[in-house]
PDB file of N, CA and C in Angstrom:
ATOM      1  N   UNK A   1       0.839  -1.184   0.000  1.00  0.00           N
ATOM      2  CA  UNK A   1       0.000   0.000   0.000  1.00  0.00           C
ATOM      3  C   UNK A   1       0.880   1.243   0.000  1.00  0.00           C
ATOM      4  N   UNK A   2       0.429   2.261  -0.671  1.00  0.00           N
ATOM      5  CA  UNK A   2       1.145   3.532  -0.771  1.00  0.00           C
ATOM      6  C   UNK A   2       1.251   4.198   0.610  1.00  0.00           C
ATOM      7  N   UNK A   3       2.256   5.018   0.785  1.00  0.00           N
ATOM      8  CA  UNK A   3       2.432   5.764   2.029  1.00  0.00           C
ATOM      9  C   UNK A   3       1.640   7.066   1.945  1.00  0.00           C
ATOM     10  N   UNK A   4       0.587   7.154   2.712  1.00  0.00           N
ATOM     11  CA  UNK A   4      -0.278   8.333   2.720  1.00  0.00           C
ATOM     12  C   UNK A   4       0.054   9.291   3.862  1.00  0.00           C
ATOM     13  N   UNK A   5       1.053   9.004   4.638  1.00  0.00           N
ATOM     14  CA  UNK A   5       1.392   9.819   5.808  1.00  0.00           C
ATOM     15  C   UNK A   5       1.656  11.267   5.404  1.00  0.00           C
ATOM     16  N   UNK A   6       0.990  12.186   6.097  1.00  0.00           N
ATOM     17  CA  UNK A   6       1.161  13.610   5.845  1.00  0.00           C
ATOM     18  C   UNK A   6       0.145  14.193   4.877  1.00  0.00           C
ATOM     19  N   UNK A   7      -0.672  13.352   4.243  1.00  0.00           N
ATOM     20  CA  UNK A   7      -1.697  13.862   3.330  1.00  0.00           C
ATOM     21  C   UNK A   7      -2.817  14.502   4.140  1.00  0.00           C
ATOM     22  N   UNK A   8      -3.414  15.537   3.598  1.00  0.00           N
ATOM     23  CA  UNK A   8      -4.569  16.190   4.204  1.00  0.00           C
ATOM     24  C   UNK A   8      -5.803  15.661   3.474  1.00  0.00           C
ATOM     25  N   UNK A   9      -6.795  15.190   4.241  1.00  0.00           N
ATOM     26  CA  UNK A   9      -7.994  14.610   3.649  1.00  0.00           C
ATOM     27  C   UNK A   9      -9.246  15.199   4.298  1.00  0.00           C
ATOM     28  N   UNK A  10     -10.358  15.096   3.558  1.00  0.00           N
ATOM     29  CA  UNK A  10     -11.671  15.502   4.079  1.00  0.00           C
ATOM     30  C   UNK A  10     -12.537  14.253   4.136  1.00  0.00           C
ATOM     31  N   UNK A  11     -13.204  14.049   5.244  1.00  0.00           N
ATOM     32  CA  UNK A  11     -14.095  12.909   5.400  1.00  0.00           C
ATOM     33  C   UNK A  11     -15.353  13.131   4.555  1.00  0.00           C
ATOM     34  N   UNK A  12     -15.764  12.103   3.801  1.00  0.00           N
ATOM     35  CA  UNK A  12     -16.963  12.213   2.973  1.00  0.00           C
ATOM     36  C   UNK A  12     -18.047  11.245   3.442  1.00  0.00           C
ATOM     37  N   UNK A  13     -17.786  10.486   4.490  1.00  0.00           N
ATOM     38  CA  UNK A  13     -18.774   9.545   5.004  1.00  0.00           C
ATOM     39  C   UNK A  13     -18.635   9.438   6.519  1.00  0.00           C
ATOM     40  N   UNK A  14     -19.747   9.207   7.177  1.00  0.00           N
ATOM     41  CA  UNK A  14     -19.737   9.017   8.625  1.00  0.00           C
ATOM     42  C   UNK A  14     -20.124  10.271   9.378  1.00  0.00           C
ATOM     43  N   UNK A  15     -20.046  10.152  10.695  1.00  0.00           N
ATOM     44  CA  UNK A  15     -20.425  11.267  11.572  1.00  0.00           C
ATOM     45  C   UNK A  15     -19.557  12.494  11.396  1.00  0.00           C
ATOM     46  N   UNK A  16     -18.318  12.265  10.987  1.00  0.00           N
ATOM     47  CA  UNK A  16     -17.355  13.361  10.836  1.00  0.00           C
ATOM     48  C   UNK A  16     -17.320  13.915   9.412  1.00  0.00           C
ATOM     49  N   UNK A  17     -18.358  13.673   8.632  1.00  0.00           N
ATOM     50  CA  UNK A  17     -18.416  14.112   7.238  1.00  0.00           C
ATOM     51  C   UNK A  17     -18.122  15.610   7.131  1.00  0.00           C
ATOM     52  N   UNK A  18     -17.206  15.961   6.243  1.00  0.00           N
ATOM     53  CA  UNK A  18     -16.830  17.352   6.033  1.00  0.00           C
ATOM     54  C   UNK A  18     -15.647  17.818   6.850  1.00  0.00           C
ATOM     55  N   UNK A  19     -15.236  17.055   7.841  1.00  0.00           N
ATOM     56  CA  UNK A  19     -14.103  17.436   8.687  1.00  0.00           C
ATOM     57  C   UNK A  19     -12.781  17.164   7.967  1.00  0.00           C
ATOM     58  N   UNK A  20     -11.778  17.975   8.288  1.00  0.00           N
ATOM     59  CA  UNK A  20     -10.453  17.841   7.684  1.00  0.00           C
ATOM     60  C   UNK A  20      -9.520  17.167   8.681  1.00  0.00           C
ATOM     61  N   UNK A  21      -8.777  16.182   8.181  1.00  0.00           N
ATOM     62  CA  UNK A  21      -7.844  15.411   9.002  1.00  0.00           C
ATOM     63  C   UNK A  21      -6.496  15.315   8.303  1.00  0.00           C
ATOM     64  N   UNK A  22      -5.512  14.872   9.063  1.00  0.00           N
ATOM     65  CA  UNK A  22      -4.202  14.553   8.518  1.00  0.00           C
ATOM     66  C   UNK A  22      -3.998  13.046   8.670  1.00  0.00           C
ATOM     67  N   UNK A  23      -3.469  12.412   7.645  1.00  0.00           N
ATOM     68  CA  UNK A  23      -3.184  10.981   7.703  1.00  0.00           C
ATOM     69  C   UNK A  23      -1.891  10.790   8.485  1.00  0.00           C
ATOM     70  N   UNK A  24      -1.961  10.003   9.567  1.00  0.00           N
ATOM     71  CA  UNK A  24      -0.778   9.784  10.391  1.00  0.00           C
ATOM     72  C   UNK A  24      -0.224   8.374  10.230  1.00  0.00           C
ATOM     73  N   UNK A  25      -0.852   7.554   9.388  1.00  0.00           N
ATOM     74  CA  UNK A  25      -0.363   6.204   9.140  1.00  0.00           C
ATOM     75  C   UNK A  25      -1.463   5.316   8.592  1.00  0.00           C
ATOM     76  N   UNK A  26      -1.189   4.015   8.544  1.00  0.00           N
ATOM     77  CA  UNK A  26      -2.171   3.016   8.124  1.00  0.00           C
ATOM     78  C   UNK A  26      -2.149   1.877   9.131  1.00  0.00           C
ATOM     79  N   UNK A  27      -3.226   1.083   9.160  1.00  0.00           N
ATOM     80  CA  UNK A  27      -3.270  -0.067  10.064  1.00  0.00           C
ATOM     81  C   UNK A  27      -3.191  -1.366   9.278  1.00  0.00           C
ATOM     82  N   UNK A  28      -3.386  -2.494   9.960  1.00  0.00           N
ATOM     83  CA  UNK A  28      -3.248  -3.805   9.336  1.00  0.00           C
ATOM     84  C   UNK A  28      -4.322  -4.064   8.281  1.00  0.00           C
ATOM     85  N   UNK A  29      -5.490  -3.467   8.405  1.00  0.00           N
ATOM     86  CA  UNK A  29      -6.575  -3.655   7.438  1.00  0.00           C
ATOM     87  C   UNK A  29      -6.496  -2.652   6.294  1.00  0.00           C
ATOM     88  N   UNK A  30      -5.359  -1.967   6.138  1.00  0.00           N
ATOM     89  CA  UNK A  30      -5.146  -0.958   5.098  1.00  0.00           C
ATOM     90  C   UNK A  30      -6.123   0.208   5.192  1.00  0.00           C
ATOM     91  N   UNK A  31      -6.517   0.548   6.414  1.00  0.00           N
ATOM     92  CA  UNK A  31      -7.309   1.748   6.631  1.00  0.00           C
ATOM     93  C   UNK A  31      -6.360   2.892   6.958  1.00  0.00           C
ATOM     94  N   UNK A  32      -6.777   4.100   6.608  1.00  0.00           N
ATOM     95  CA  UNK A  32      -5.985   5.285   6.946  1.00  0.00           C
ATOM     96  C   UNK A  32      -6.222   5.624   8.407  1.00  0.00           C
ATOM     97  N   UNK A  33      -5.190   6.027   9.105  1.00  0.00           N
ATOM     98  CA  UNK A  33      -5.314   6.495  10.480  1.00  0.00           C
ATOM     99  C   UNK A  33      -5.303   8.016  10.442  1.00  0.00           C
ATOM    100  N   UNK A  34      -6.405   8.620  10.887  1.00  0.00           N
ATOM    101  CA  UNK A  34      -6.594  10.062  10.776  1.00  0.00           C
ATOM    102  C   UNK A  34      -6.606  10.720  12.142  1.00  0.00           C
ATOM    103  N   UNK A  35      -6.026  11.913  12.210  1.00  0.00           N
ATOM    104  CA  UNK A  35      -6.036  12.705  13.442  1.00  0.00           C
ATOM    105  C   UNK A  35      -6.189  14.170  13.066  1.00  0.00           C
ATOM    106  N   UNK A  36      -6.826  14.931  13.972  1.00  0.00           N
ATOM    107  CA  UNK A  36      -6.938  16.373  13.771  1.00  0.00           C
ATOM    108  C   UNK A  36      -6.376  17.154  14.955  1.00  0.00           C
ATOM    109  N   UNK A  37      -5.944  16.447  15.993  1.00  0.00           N
ATOM    110  CA  UNK A  37      -5.338  17.102  17.145  1.00  0.00           C
ATOM    111  C   UNK A  37      -6.329  17.632  18.153  1.00  0.00           C
ATOM    112  N   UNK A  38      -7.621  17.608  17.823  1.00  0.00           N
ATOM    113  CA  UNK A  38      -8.631  18.116  18.739  1.00  0.00           C
ATOM    114  C   UNK A  38      -9.557  16.987  19.170  1.00  0.00           C
ATOM    115  N   UNK A  39     -10.455  16.583  18.288  1.00  0.00           N
ATOM    116  CA  UNK A  39     -11.362  15.479  18.626  1.00  0.00           C
ATOM    117  C   UNK A  39     -10.669  14.131  18.465  1.00  0.00           C
ATOM    118  N   UNK A  40      -9.792  14.027  17.481  1.00  0.00           N
ATOM    119  CA  UNK A  40      -9.021  12.812  17.253  1.00  0.00           C
ATOM    120  C   UNK A  40      -7.554  13.128  17.484  1.00  0.00           C
ATOM    121  N   UNK A  41      -7.053  12.689  18.626  1.00  0.00           N
ATOM    122  CA  UNK A  41      -5.670  12.961  19.007  1.00  0.00           C
ATOM    123  C   UNK A  41      -4.715  12.017  18.288  1.00  0.00           C
ATOM    124  N   UNK A  42      -3.457  12.394  18.262  1.00  0.00           N
ATOM    125  CA  UNK A  42      -2.420  11.559  17.653  1.00  0.00           C
ATOM    126  C   UNK A  42      -2.262  10.225  18.382  1.00  0.00           C
ATOM    127  N   UNK A  43      -2.549  10.208  19.682  1.00  0.00           N
ATOM    128  CA  UNK A  43      -2.415   8.988  20.466  1.00  0.00           C
ATOM    129  C   UNK A  43      -3.488   7.962  20.117  1.00  0.00           C
ATOM    130  N   UNK A  44      -4.649   8.423  19.620  1.00  0.00           N
ATOM    131  CA  UNK A  44      -5.743   7.522  19.275  1.00  0.00           C
ATOM    132  C   UNK A  44      -6.398   7.976  17.970  1.00  0.00           C
ATOM    133  N   UNK A  45      -5.726   7.750  16.838  1.00  0.00           N
ATOM    134  CA  UNK A  45      -6.276   8.198  15.558  1.00  0.00           C
ATOM    135  C   UNK A  45      -7.468   7.356  15.120  1.00  0.00           C
ATOM    136  N   UNK A  46      -8.274   7.929  14.231  1.00  0.00           N
ATOM    137  CA  UNK A  46      -9.466   7.267  13.709  1.00  0.00           C
ATOM    138  C   UNK A  46      -9.092   6.466  12.472  1.00  0.00           C
ATOM    139  N   UNK A  47      -9.558   5.232  12.384  1.00  0.00           N
ATOM    140  CA  UNK A  47      -9.342   4.411  11.195  1.00  0.00           C
ATOM    141  C   UNK A  47     -10.472   4.644  10.203  1.00  0.00           C
ATOM    142  N   UNK A  48     -10.125   4.887   8.944  1.00  0.00           N
ATOM    143  CA  UNK A  48     -11.133   5.150   7.924  1.00  0.00           C
ATOM    144  C   UNK A  48     -10.656   4.570   6.604  1.00  0.00           C
ATOM    145  N   UNK A  49     -11.596   3.982   5.850  1.00  0.00           N
ATOM    146  CA  UNK A  49     -11.250   3.417   4.546  1.00  0.00           C
ATOM    147  C   UNK A  49     -10.931   4.532   3.566  1.00  0.00           C
ATOM    148  N   UNK A  50     -10.067   4.231   2.626  1.00  0.00           N
ATOM    149  CA  UNK A  50      -9.637   5.214   1.632  1.00  0.00           C
ATOM    150  C   UNK A  50     -10.816   5.761   0.831  1.00  0.00           C
ATOM    151  N   UNK A  51     -11.804   4.945   0.559  1.00  0.00           N
ATOM    152  CA  UNK A  51     -12.964   5.387  -0.206  1.00  0.00           C
ATOM    153  C   UNK A  51     -13.872   6.338   0.547  1.00  0.00           C
ATOM    154  N   UNK A  52     -13.661   6.481   1.847  1.00  0.00           N
ATOM    155  CA  UNK A  52     -14.504   7.353   2.663  1.00  0.00           C
ATOM    156  C   UNK A  52     -13.876   8.717   2.920  1.00  0.00           C
ATOM    157  N   UNK A  53     -12.792   9.009   2.191  1.00  0.00           N
ATOM    158  CA  UNK A  53     -12.147  10.314   2.327  1.00  0.00           C
ATOM    159  C   UNK A  53     -11.880  10.899   0.947  1.00  0.00           C
ATOM    160  N   UNK A  54     -11.792  12.219   0.904  1.00  0.00           N
ATOM    161  CA  UNK A  54     -11.413  12.948  -0.301  1.00  0.00           C
ATOM    162  C   UNK A  54     -10.026  13.526  -0.050  1.00  0.00           C
ATOM    163  N   UNK A  55      -9.075  13.176  -0.894  1.00  0.00           N
ATOM    164  CA  UNK A  55      -7.705  13.658  -0.713  1.00  0.00           C
ATOM    165  C   UNK A  55      -7.598  15.111  -1.169  1.00  0.00           C
ATOM    166  N   UNK A  56      -7.180  15.982  -0.268  1.00  0.00           N
ATOM    167  CA  UNK A  56      -6.995  17.398  -0.586  1.00  0.00           C
ATOM    168  C   UNK A  56      -5.558  17.687  -1.000  1.00  0.00           C
ATOM    169  N   UNK A  57      -4.628  16.864  -0.533  1.00  0.00           N
ATOM    170  CA  UNK A  57      -3.228  16.929  -0.965  1.00  0.00           C
ATOM    171  C   UNK A  57      -2.793  15.511  -1.274  1.00  0.00           C
ATOM    172  N   UNK A  58      -1.704  15.373  -2.016  1.00  0.00           N
ATOM    173  CA  UNK A  58      -1.167  14.053  -2.306  1.00  0.00           C
ATOM    174  C   UNK A  58       0.339  14.142  -2.475  1.00  0.00           C
ATOM    175  N   UNK A  59       0.948  13.106  -3.040  1.00  0.00           N
ATOM    176  CA  UNK A  59       2.407  13.085  -3.167  1.00  0.00           C
ATOM    177  C   UNK A  59       2.907  14.073  -4.219  1.00  0.00           C
ATOM    178  N   UNK A  60       2.064  14.487  -5.145  1.00  0.00           N
ATOM    179  CA  UNK A  60       2.487  15.448  -6.173  1.00  0.00           C
ATOM    180  C   UNK A  60       2.337  16.892  -5.709  1.00  0.00           C
ATOM    181  N   UNK A  61       1.200  17.216  -5.122  1.00  0.00           N
ATOM    182  CA  UNK A  61       0.984  18.580  -4.633  1.00  0.00           C
ATOM    183  C   UNK A  61       0.678  18.521  -3.139  1.00  0.00           C
ATOM    184  N   UNK A  62       1.739  18.342  -2.377  1.00  0.00           N
ATOM    185  CA  UNK A  62       1.624  18.232  -0.929  1.00  0.00           C
ATOM    186  C   UNK A  62       1.473  19.595  -0.271  1.00  0.00           C
ATOM    187  N   UNK A  63       1.369  19.568   1.034  1.00  0.00           N
ATOM    188  CA  UNK A  63       1.203  20.771   1.831  1.00  0.00           C
ATOM    189  C   UNK A  63       2.498  20.992   2.603  1.00  0.00           C
ATOM    190  N   UNK A  64       3.176  22.099   2.319  1.00  0.00           N
ATOM    191  CA  UNK A  64       4.457  22.399   2.963  1.00  0.00           C
ATOM    192  C   UNK A  64       4.231  23.152   4.264  1.00  0.00           C
ATOM    193  N   UNK A  65       4.287  22.426   5.349  1.00  0.00           N
ATOM    194  CA  UNK A  65       4.194  23.011   6.684  1.00  0.00           C
ATOM    195  C   UNK A  65       5.195  22.251   7.553  1.00  0.00           C
ATOM    196  N   UNK A  66       5.916  22.938   8.425  1.00  0.00           N
ATOM    197  CA  UNK A  66       6.938  22.260   9.236  1.00  0.00           C
ATOM    198  C   UNK A  66       6.401  21.063  10.030  1.00  0.00           C
ATOM    199  N   UNK A  67       5.177  21.156  10.555  1.00  0.00           N
ATOM    200  CA  UNK A  67       4.611  20.052  11.332  1.00  0.00           C
ATOM    201  C   UNK A  67       4.344  18.838  10.443  1.00  0.00           C
ATOM    202  N   UNK A  68       3.860  19.053   9.242  1.00  0.00           N
ATOM    203  CA  UNK A  68       3.589  17.958   8.318  1.00  0.00           C
ATOM    204  C   UNK A  68       4.904  17.310   7.881  1.00  0.00           C
ATOM    205  N   UNK A  69       5.938  18.128   7.673  1.00  0.00           N
ATOM    206  CA  UNK A  69       7.246  17.588   7.312  1.00  0.00           C
ATOM    207  C   UNK A  69       7.814  16.732   8.444  1.00  0.00           C
ATOM    208  N   UNK A  70       7.622  17.166   9.706  1.00  0.00           N
ATOM    209  CA  UNK A  70       8.063  16.370  10.848  1.00  0.00           C
ATOM    210  C   UNK A  70       7.368  15.017  10.856  1.00  0.00           C
ATOM    211  N   UNK A  71       6.078  15.026  10.579  1.00  0.00           N
ATOM    212  CA  UNK A  71       5.300  13.793  10.553  1.00  0.00           C
ATOM    213  C   UNK A  71       5.802  12.854   9.459  1.00  0.00           C
ATOM    214  N   UNK A  72       6.076  13.396   8.279  1.00  0.00           N
ATOM    215  CA  UNK A  72       6.562  12.581   7.165  1.00  0.00           C
ATOM    216  C   UNK A  72       7.923  11.962   7.466  1.00  0.00           C
ATOM    217  N   UNK A  73       8.757  12.673   8.234  1.00  0.00           N
ATOM    218  CA  UNK A  73      10.092  12.183   8.565  1.00  0.00           C
ATOM    219  C   UNK A  73      10.086  11.223   9.755  1.00  0.00           C
ATOM    220  N   UNK A  74       8.926  11.035  10.371  1.00  0.00           N
ATOM    221  CA  UNK A  74       8.816  10.107  11.492  1.00  0.00           C
ATOM    222  C   UNK A  74       9.178  10.699  12.830  1.00  0.00           C
ATOM    223  N   UNK A  75       9.306  12.006  12.897  1.00  0.00           N
ATOM    224  CA  UNK A  75       9.637  12.656  14.163  1.00  0.00           C
ATOM    225  C   UNK A  75       8.370  12.830  14.999  1.00  0.00           C
ATOM    226  N   UNK A  76       8.560  13.014  16.300  1.00  0.00           N
ATOM    227  CA  UNK A  76       7.435  13.189  17.215  1.00  0.00           C
ATOM    228  C   UNK A  76       6.728  14.511  16.919  1.00  0.00           C
ATOM    229  N   UNK A  77       5.411  14.458  16.972  1.00  0.00           N
ATOM    230  CA  UNK A  77       4.574  15.616  16.689  1.00  0.00           C
ATOM    231  C   UNK A  77       3.562  15.747  17.815  1.00  0.00           C
ATOM    232  N   UNK A  78       3.240  16.967  18.204  1.00  0.00           N
ATOM    233  CA  UNK A  78       2.237  17.166  19.239  1.00  0.00           C
ATOM    234  C   UNK A  78       0.889  17.484  18.599  1.00  0.00           C
ATOM    235  N   UNK A  79      -0.168  17.308  19.379  1.00  0.00           N
ATOM    236  CA  UNK A  79      -1.512  17.638  18.895  1.00  0.00           C
ATOM    237  C   UNK A  79      -1.633  19.134  18.581  1.00  0.00           C
ATOM    238  N   UNK A  80      -0.960  19.940  19.372  1.00  0.00           N
ATOM    239  CA  UNK A  80      -1.003  21.389  19.156  1.00  0.00           C
ATOM    240  C   UNK A  80      -0.388  21.757  17.803  1.00  0.00           C
ATOM    241  N   UNK A  81       0.746  21.147  17.471  1.00  0.00           N
ATOM    242  CA  UNK A  81       1.385  21.408  16.179  1.00  0.00           C
ATOM    243  C   UNK A  81       0.483  20.965  15.027  1.00  0.00           C
ATOM    244  N   UNK A  82      -0.175  19.827  15.191  1.00  0.00           N
ATOM    245  CA  UNK A  82      -1.071  19.328  14.155  1.00  0.00           C
ATOM    246  C   UNK A  82      -2.270  20.257  13.982  1.00  0.00           C
ATOM    247  N   UNK A  83      -2.851  20.717  15.083  1.00  0.00           N
ATOM    248  CA  UNK A  83      -3.988  21.657  15.008  1.00  0.00           C
ATOM    249  C   UNK A  83      -3.591  22.926  14.267  1.00  0.00           C
ATOM    250  N   UNK A  84      -2.408  23.448  14.566  1.00  0.00           N
ATOM    251  CA  UNK A  84      -1.946  24.670  13.900  1.00  0.00           C
ATOM    252  C   UNK A  84      -1.721  24.455  12.406  1.00  0.00           C
ATOM    253  N   UNK A  85      -1.175  23.297  12.042  1.00  0.00           N
ATOM    254  CA  UNK A  85      -0.945  22.988  10.631  1.00  0.00           C
ATOM    255  C   UNK A  85      -2.273  22.891   9.879  1.00  0.00           C
ATOM    256  N   UNK A  86      -3.259  22.230  10.475  1.00  0.00           N
ATOM    257  CA  UNK A  86      -4.568  22.098   9.818  1.00  0.00           C
ATOM    258  C   UNK A  86      -5.297  23.440   9.757  1.00  0.00           C
ATOM    259  N   UNK A  87      -5.145  24.272  10.785  1.00  0.00           N
ATOM    260  CA  UNK A  87      -5.755  25.605  10.755  1.00  0.00           C
ATOM    261  C   UNK A  87      -5.156  26.447   9.660  1.00  0.00           C
ATOM    262  N   UNK A  88      -3.837  26.363   9.474  1.00  0.00           N
ATOM    263  CA  UNK A  88      -3.177  27.108   8.398  1.00  0.00           C
ATOM    264  C   UNK A  88      -3.627  26.587   7.041  1.00  0.00           C
ATOM    265  N   UNK A  89      -3.845  25.271   6.929  1.00  0.00           N
ATOM    266  CA  UNK A  89      -4.321  24.701   5.666  1.00  0.00           C
ATOM    267  C   UNK A  89      -5.737  25.195   5.357  1.00  0.00           C
ATOM    268  N   UNK A  90      -6.607  25.216   6.378  1.00  0.00           N
ATOM    269  CA  UNK A  90      -7.982  25.706   6.168  1.00  0.00           C
ATOM    270  C   UNK A  90      -7.980  27.163   5.728  1.00  0.00           C
ATOM    271  N   UNK A  91      -7.110  27.985   6.335  1.00  0.00           N
ATOM    272  CA  UNK A  91      -7.031  29.405   5.988  1.00  0.00           C
ATOM    273  C   UNK A  91      -6.530  29.581   4.557  1.00  0.00           C
ATOM    274  N   UNK A  92      -5.604  28.738   4.143  1.00  0.00           N
ATOM    275  CA  UNK A  92      -5.063  28.801   2.784  1.00  0.00           C
ATOM    276  C   UNK A  92      -6.093  28.328   1.769  1.00  0.00           C
ATOM    277  N   UNK A  93      -6.918  27.353   2.160  1.00  0.00           N
ATOM    278  CA  UNK A  93      -7.905  26.747   1.273  1.00  0.00           C
ATOM    279  C   UNK A  93      -9.042  27.710   0.930  1.00  0.00           C
ATOM    280  N   UNK A  94      -9.408  28.557   1.867  1.00  0.00           N
ATOM    281  CA  UNK A  94     -10.552  29.478   1.656  1.00  0.00           C
ATOM    282  C   UNK A  94     -10.228  30.605   0.757  1.00  0.00           C
TER     283      UNK A  94
END
């Protein structure tokens, strides 16, 4: 399976429909592990199938933010850093 770590996605199915998350990894069932730093912390990410999300960034046009780069490199990231990165992405998107 492709490495989706660091991609920004929008949920298109479920209770969290419309919410923006960052992919922090994958699990054994090939589901994406999503976190937003607020409702879904990095310590307990949400598992979601790839078909239930809309990719807002990918490997070709990624999002350059220091927190996302730390995540891609495997360094420790805090929920606060993730929240700030997603807030900056939302501000850029509008």
